[in-house]
Amino acid sequence: SGCIGEVGLVHIVGADFSWRHADKAVEALCQKCPVPPNAAHSLLLLHNPAAFKFVPAERGCMVFSGHTHGGQIGLLSLGLNATVMCLIG
């Protein structure tokens, strides 16, 4: 069994893709959007999973990221052993 109740303030910040200087982009984002002291949870959304290593440990957040460029759409149900990006790019 579970219980549904208040979770408190959830702080969510998203970062766009940064090809160069991902370390500086993540640092700037963390400085611009600090976690409020009253936040019960903090989520950081990163476009590029490789940028995770630049998130400061003291940020204390859960990070979600993805970088698939269409690879998430398979065409196996149509009998093709390929993804969308395999076919167009």
C-alpha atoms as a PDB file:
ATOM      1  CA  SER A   1       0.000   0.000   0.000  1.00  0.00           C
ATOM      2  CA  GLY A   2       1.112   3.548  -0.519  1.00  0.00           C
ATOM      3  CA  CYS A   3       0.137   6.910   0.759  1.00  0.00           C
ATOM      4  CA  ILE A   4      -0.582  10.070  -1.142  1.00  0.00           C
ATOM      5  CA  GLY A   5       0.293  13.289   0.561  1.00  0.00           C
ATOM      6  CA  GLU A   6       2.102  16.534   0.122  1.00  0.00           C
ATOM      7  CA  VAL A   7       5.616  16.237  -1.196  1.00  0.00           C
ATOM      8  CA  GLY A   8       6.648  19.818  -0.605  1.00  0.00           C
ATOM      9  CA  LEU A   9       8.281  22.210  -3.033  1.00  0.00           C
ATOM     10  CA  VAL A  10       9.753  20.518  -6.109  1.00  0.00           C
ATOM     11  CA  HIS A  11      12.446  22.568  -7.846  1.00  0.00           C
ATOM     12  CA  ILE A  12      12.802  21.693 -11.565  1.00  0.00           C
ATOM     13  CA  VAL A  13      15.467  23.148 -13.844  1.00  0.00           C
ATOM     14  CA  GLY A  14      16.112  22.197 -17.471  1.00  0.00           C
ATOM     15  CA  ALA A  15      19.265  22.672 -19.529  1.00  0.00           C
ATOM     16  CA  ASP A  16      19.480  22.866 -23.288  1.00  0.00           C
ATOM     17  CA  PHE A  17      22.181  21.064 -25.246  1.00  0.00           C
ATOM     18  CA  SER A  18      25.624  22.636 -25.090  1.00  0.00           C
ATOM     19  CA  TRP A  19      28.079  21.159 -27.591  1.00  0.00           C
ATOM     20  CA  ARG A  20      31.125  22.970 -26.268  1.00  0.00           C
ATOM     21  CA  HIS A  21      31.905  23.938 -22.716  1.00  0.00           C
ATOM     22  CA  ALA A  22      29.180  21.827 -21.130  1.00  0.00           C
ATOM     23  CA  ASP A  23      31.021  22.223 -17.829  1.00  0.00           C
ATOM     24  CA  LYS A  24      30.635  26.002 -17.935  1.00  0.00           C
ATOM     25  CA  ALA A  25      27.016  25.775 -19.111  1.00  0.00           C
ATOM     26  CA  VAL A  26      26.036  23.480 -16.218  1.00  0.00           C
ATOM     27  CA  GLU A  27      27.951  25.640 -13.728  1.00  0.00           C
ATOM     28  CA  ALA A  28      26.221  28.802 -14.992  1.00  0.00           C
ATOM     29  CA  LEU A  29      22.804  27.124 -14.837  1.00  0.00           C
ATOM     30  CA  CYS A  30      23.382  25.947 -11.264  1.00  0.00           C
ATOM     31  CA  GLN A  31      24.454  29.447 -10.238  1.00  0.00           C
ATOM     32  CA  LYS A  32      21.542  31.109 -12.025  1.00  0.00           C
ATOM     33  CA  CYS A  33      18.962  28.672 -10.626  1.00  0.00           C
ATOM     34  CA  PRO A  34      20.039  27.660  -7.123  1.00  0.00           C
ATOM     35  CA  VAL A  35      17.947  25.135  -5.225  1.00  0.00           C
ATOM     36  CA  PRO A  36      15.697  27.053  -2.799  1.00  0.00           C
ATOM     37  CA  PRO A  37      16.404  26.193   0.840  1.00  0.00           C
ATOM     38  CA  ASN A  38      12.772  25.118   1.322  1.00  0.00           C
ATOM     39  CA  ALA A  39      12.788  22.697  -1.648  1.00  0.00           C
ATOM     40  CA  ALA A  40      11.889  19.152  -0.672  1.00  0.00           C
ATOM     41  CA  HIS A  41      13.114  17.794  -4.014  1.00  0.00           C
ATOM     42  CA  SER A  42      15.281  19.045  -6.853  1.00  0.00           C
ATOM     43  CA  LEU A  43      15.179  17.758 -10.434  1.00  0.00           C
ATOM     44  CA  LEU A  44      17.690  18.690 -13.101  1.00  0.00           C
ATOM     45  CA  LEU A  45      16.822  17.887 -16.725  1.00  0.00           C
ATOM     46  CA  LEU A  46      19.828  17.638 -19.025  1.00  0.00           C
ATOM     47  CA  HIS A  47      19.677  17.155 -22.782  1.00  0.00           C
ATOM     48  CA  ASN A  48      23.072  15.460 -22.867  1.00  0.00           C
ATOM     49  CA  PRO A  49      23.774  12.675 -20.326  1.00  0.00           C
ATOM     50  CA  ALA A  50      27.523  13.359 -20.622  1.00  0.00           C
ATOM     51  CA  ALA A  51      27.000  16.702 -18.865  1.00  0.00           C
ATOM     52  CA  PHE A  52      25.979  14.866 -15.677  1.00  0.00           C
ATOM     53  CA  LYS A  53      29.600  14.704 -14.525  1.00  0.00           C
ATOM     54  CA  PHE A  54      29.604  18.510 -14.264  1.00  0.00           C
ATOM     55  CA  VAL A  55      26.675  18.717 -11.832  1.00  0.00           C
ATOM     56  CA  PRO A  56      28.060  19.688  -8.413  1.00  0.00           C
ATOM     57  CA  ALA A  57      27.550  16.981  -5.785  1.00  0.00           C
ATOM     58  CA  GLU A  58      26.255  19.572  -3.328  1.00  0.00           C
ATOM     59  CA  ARG A  59      23.390  20.270  -5.733  1.00  0.00           C
ATOM     60  CA  GLY A  60      21.691  17.227  -4.173  1.00  0.00           C
ATOM     61  CA  CYS A  61      19.322  16.551  -7.037  1.00  0.00           C
ATOM     62  CA  MET A  62      17.974  13.808  -9.219  1.00  0.00           C
ATOM     63  CA  VAL A  63      19.066  14.159 -12.841  1.00  0.00           C
ATOM     64  CA  PHE A  64      17.144  12.966 -15.881  1.00  0.00           C
ATOM     65  CA  SER A  65      18.671  13.142 -19.332  1.00  0.00           C
ATOM     66  CA  GLY A  66      18.358  11.755 -22.805  1.00  0.00           C
ATOM     67  CA  HIS A  67      20.176  12.118 -26.084  1.00  0.00           C
ATOM     68  CA  THR A  68      18.776   9.686 -28.613  1.00  0.00           C
ATOM     69  CA  HIS A  69      18.181  11.659 -31.831  1.00  0.00           C
ATOM     70  CA  GLY A  70      15.259   9.552 -32.957  1.00  0.00           C
ATOM     71  CA  GLY A  71      16.789   6.259 -31.879  1.00  0.00           C
ATOM     72  CA  GLN A  72      13.867   5.748 -29.540  1.00  0.00           C
ATOM     73  CA  ILE A  73      11.514   5.126 -32.462  1.00  0.00           C
ATOM     74  CA  GLY A  74      12.052   1.630 -33.840  1.00  0.00           C
ATOM     75  CA  LEU A  75      10.359   0.240 -36.909  1.00  0.00           C
ATOM     76  CA  LEU A  76      10.419  -3.424 -35.937  1.00  0.00           C
ATOM     77  CA  SER A  77       6.628  -3.625 -36.022  1.00  0.00           C
ATOM     78  CA  LEU A  78       6.790  -2.782 -39.744  1.00  0.00           C
ATOM     79  CA  GLY A  79       9.352  -5.510 -40.378  1.00  0.00           C
ATOM     80  CA  LEU A  80      12.291  -3.090 -40.652  1.00  0.00           C
ATOM     81  CA  ASN A  81      15.263  -3.675 -38.385  1.00  0.00           C
ATOM     82  CA  ALA A  82      16.130   0.024 -38.127  1.00  0.00           C
ATOM     83  CA  THR A  83      15.406   3.228 -36.261  1.00  0.00           C
ATOM     84  CA  VAL A  84      14.165   6.449 -37.799  1.00  0.00           C
ATOM     85  CA  MET A  85      17.639   7.999 -37.685  1.00  0.00           C
ATOM     86  CA  CYS A  86      19.177   4.968 -39.409  1.00  0.00           C
ATOM     87  CA  LEU A  87      16.885   5.580 -42.340  1.00  0.00           C
ATOM     88  CA  ILE A  88      17.151   9.374 -42.664  1.00  0.00           C
ATOM     89  CA  GLY A  89      20.508  10.285 -41.260  1.00  0.00           C
END
